[in-house]
Each structure stands twice: as structure tokens, then as C-alpha cells.
Protein backbone atom coordinates (compact mmCIF):
# COMPACT_ATOMS: atom_id res chain seq x y z
CA MET A 1 102.05 54.09 134.32
CA ALA A 2 99.02 52.18 135.66
CA ILE A 3 97.96 52.06 139.04
CA GLN A 4 98.51 48.36 140.39
CA VAL A 5 94.42 48.10 142.71
CA ASP A 6 94.22 44.64 145.16
CA LEU A 7 90.19 44.31 144.28
CA SER A 8 90.39 41.36 147.33
CA LYS A 9 91.01 44.01 149.66
CA LEU A 10 87.87 46.29 148.45
CA ARG A 11 84.47 46.24 149.95
CA GLU A 12 81.70 44.50 147.62
CA VAL A 13 78.87 46.53 147.13
CA ASP A 14 75.24 45.26 146.93
CA PHE A 15 74.23 46.73 143.99
CA GLU A 16 70.45 45.79 141.34
CA VAL A 17 70.30 45.97 138.18
CA LYS A 18 67.63 47.74 136.23
CA ARG A 19 68.72 47.50 132.92
CA GLU A 20 71.31 45.98 131.23
CA VAL A 21 70.55 46.75 127.41
CA TRP A 22 72.39 45.56 123.61
CA ASN A 23 72.98 48.42 122.01
CA LYS A 24 73.22 47.76 118.44
CA TYR A 25 75.59 48.49 115.30
CA LYS A 26 76.07 48.43 111.85
CA LEU A 27 79.59 47.90 111.00
CA SER A 28 80.99 48.64 107.01
CA ASP A 29 81.64 45.02 106.33
CA GLY A 30 77.61 45.22 106.82
CA SER A 31 77.41 43.23 109.54
CA ILE A 32 75.20 43.75 112.21
CA LEU A 33 77.21 44.04 116.00
CA ARG A 34 75.40 43.83 119.39
CA LEU A 35 77.33 44.51 122.28
CA LYS A 36 75.61 43.80 125.87
CA VAL A 37 77.71 44.65 128.99
CA VAL A 38 77.17 42.99 131.95
CA VAL A 39 77.75 43.79 135.50
CA THR A 40 78.83 41.34 138.07
CA LYS A 41 80.24 43.16 140.67
CA PHE A 42 80.54 46.71 142.13
CA LEU A 43 83.90 47.56 144.68
CA ASP A 44 83.97 50.69 146.34
CA THR A 45 87.49 52.05 146.58
CA GLY A 46 86.67 54.34 149.46
CA GLU A 47 87.47 57.62 147.19
CA THR A 48 85.31 59.91 146.67
CA ASP A 49 85.44 62.42 143.16
CA PRO A 50 86.34 65.49 143.74
CA ASN A 51 83.88 66.76 141.81
CA THR A 52 80.90 65.07 141.93
CA GLY A 53 81.29 64.03 146.06
CA PHE A 54 80.08 60.16 145.28
CA PRO A 55 81.77 57.28 145.62
CA ARG A 56 84.34 55.73 143.33
CA TYR A 57 83.79 51.92 142.48
CA ILE A 58 85.70 49.73 140.14
CA ILE A 59 82.91 47.80 138.36
CA ALA A 60 84.00 44.06 137.81
CA TYR A 61 81.54 43.22 134.14
CA GLN A 62 81.95 40.86 130.92
CA ASN A 63 81.55 42.43 127.48
CA LEU A 64 78.40 39.65 125.32
CA ILE A 65 78.91 39.69 121.82
CA ALA A 66 76.44 38.66 119.53
CA VAL A 67 77.03 39.02 115.11
CA THR A 68 74.18 38.91 112.57
CA SER A 69 75.94 38.54 108.94
CA ASP A 70 74.41 37.92 105.40
CA GLU A 71 78.01 36.87 104.79
CA ARG A 72 79.00 33.06 106.09
CA GLY A 73 81.51 30.96 106.33
CA ALA A 74 82.68 27.25 107.28
CA PRO A 75 82.62 27.13 111.07
CA SER A 76 85.84 26.83 112.89
CA ASN A 77 86.51 24.18 115.07
CA LYS A 78 89.63 26.06 116.33
CA PRO A 79 89.11 28.44 119.80
CA ILE A 80 89.62 32.16 118.41
CA PRO A 81 93.38 33.38 119.09
CA SER A 82 94.14 36.19 122.21
CA PHE A 83 94.32 39.28 120.23
CA PRO A 84 98.10 39.81 119.86
CA ASP A 85 98.34 35.85 118.90
CA ILE A 86 96.67 37.14 115.54
CA PRO A 87 98.94 37.58 112.84
CA LYS A 88 98.89 40.86 111.68
CA GLU A 89 97.46 39.94 108.06
CA LEU A 90 94.52 38.30 109.54
CA LEU A 91 92.93 42.02 110.80
CA GLU A 92 90.84 43.73 109.30
CA GLU A 93 89.61 47.24 110.79
CA ILE A 94 86.17 47.65 110.49
CA ASN A 95 84.75 50.91 111.29
CA ILE A 96 80.79 51.53 112.41
CA VAL A 97 78.67 53.05 109.91
CA GLU A 98 75.71 53.18 112.38
CA THR A 99 74.42 53.41 115.86
CA ILE A 100 71.35 51.81 115.15
CA TYR A 101 70.67 52.03 119.22
CA GLU A 102 72.86 53.58 121.97
CA GLU A 103 71.28 53.50 125.95
CA TRP A 104 72.60 53.29 129.00
CA ASN A 105 72.54 50.17 131.04
CA THR A 106 71.16 51.25 135.08
CA TYR A 107 72.32 49.73 138.16
CA ILE A 108 71.32 51.03 141.88
CA VAL A 109 73.75 50.68 144.41
CA ASP A 110 74.26 50.66 147.64
CA ASN A 111 70.66 51.37 147.25
CA LYS A 112 71.67 55.02 147.27
CA TYR A 113 73.05 55.68 143.88
CA VAL A 114 71.71 55.47 140.15
CA TYR A 115 75.11 54.66 138.95
CA GLU A 116 74.45 54.64 134.64
CA THR A 117 77.49 53.08 132.69
CA LYS A 118 77.60 52.30 128.75
CA PRO A 119 80.88 50.77 126.43
CA VAL A 120 82.20 53.12 124.24
CA ILE A 121 83.62 51.18 121.12
CA THR A 122 87.43 52.53 120.58
CA SER A 123 88.54 49.46 117.90
CA ILE A 124 87.00 46.67 115.91
CA TYR A 125 89.08 43.77 114.06
CA ARG A 126 87.81 40.95 112.06
CA ILE A 127 89.68 38.03 112.03
CA LYS A 128 89.81 36.96 107.93
CA GLY A 129 88.70 33.44 107.51
CA LEU A 130 86.84 32.85 111.26
CA TYR A 131 83.78 32.28 112.05
CA ASP A 132 81.92 31.43 114.80
CA ALA A 133 79.53 28.66 115.51
CA THR A 134 77.26 29.93 113.32
CA GLY A 135 79.19 30.78 110.47
CA CYS A 136 79.19 34.47 111.10
CA PRO A 137 82.52 36.79 111.34
CA VAL A 138 84.06 37.04 114.14
CA TYR A 139 85.17 40.19 115.76
CA HIS A 140 87.90 41.49 118.40
CA ILE A 141 86.00 44.52 119.93
CA PHE A 142 87.65 47.36 121.92
CA SER A 143 86.24 49.51 124.20
CA GLN A 144 85.83 51.31 127.24
CA LEU A 145 83.38 52.19 129.98
CA VAL A 146 81.52 55.52 130.48
CA HIS A 147 79.54 56.19 133.34
CA ARG A 148 77.65 58.65 134.86
CA VAL A 149 76.05 58.78 139.23
CA LYS A 150 73.52 60.78 140.89
CA THR A 151 71.25 59.68 143.78
CA VAL A 152 68.40 57.92 144.01
């Protein structure tokens, strides 16, 4: 069961971006996927991690995805559907065959903590027959963030 948190009640914490990187992966269909996490807010939960003693934050972020592919198709002139709305027969699960580059993003939070985070891709689905504005295949990426914290 997911715990519901009223984000409007949490204190927004000041942070400085030290480093946000493009992680790069080679996919089983030959495409190159670049994934960048852009953090937009740190919210203080008021809790501390019992193992480390560091504050627990909820992070607001967006994933940016760029694809390079030798395979090209006619750009689709329709919006990309949300994942649950895509017919199963149009989905092809794609694997990562090589991690070309994968590093941590780094932030200074509340002038006290070095907060590092990076995405872990859990699954990738290619939408058959759908191409972006540049003619590259379209994918749905599922990922989770992992993090580590230390003092400045």
C-alpha cells in the first residue's frame, strides 16, 4: 500500500545543482538512449533516516530522453499515448546491451548535504510504428532513482 503524503505541507529546501549528467545506453535494437534526470525541488519530510541520520527528502524531477538511431521512420503527427493506452501488440520490450556512460547527479541541499542521485532503468518498451519528430523510434522508459547523502 502506498503512503499518501500531502506535498503542499512539506517545506521546500534550497539546493544548488553541481552536476546533472546525460547517462547513455546502447539498446538491443541498435538505438542509443540518453537519459537525464533534472531535479526541480527538494521537499523536507521532517524525518531522518534511522541508519544514516540524514534528512529524508522527496525529490520532484523530470526525465529527459533523447534517442539516436540508424533506423528512421516517418515522424508521427499524433501525441504519444500514455503507456496504459497503448495496445499490447504495439509494445516491444527492449533490453540494454551496454551501459556506455552512467554517473551520479550531484546537488548541495540546504547548504549542508551533498545529495547524489541517478536513475536505474527497470524496463524499456518500444512503440512499434511510432517515430518522433526526427524519425527516431519512440520508447517508454520506466526507472527509479537511487540516492546517497553525505555532509558537505
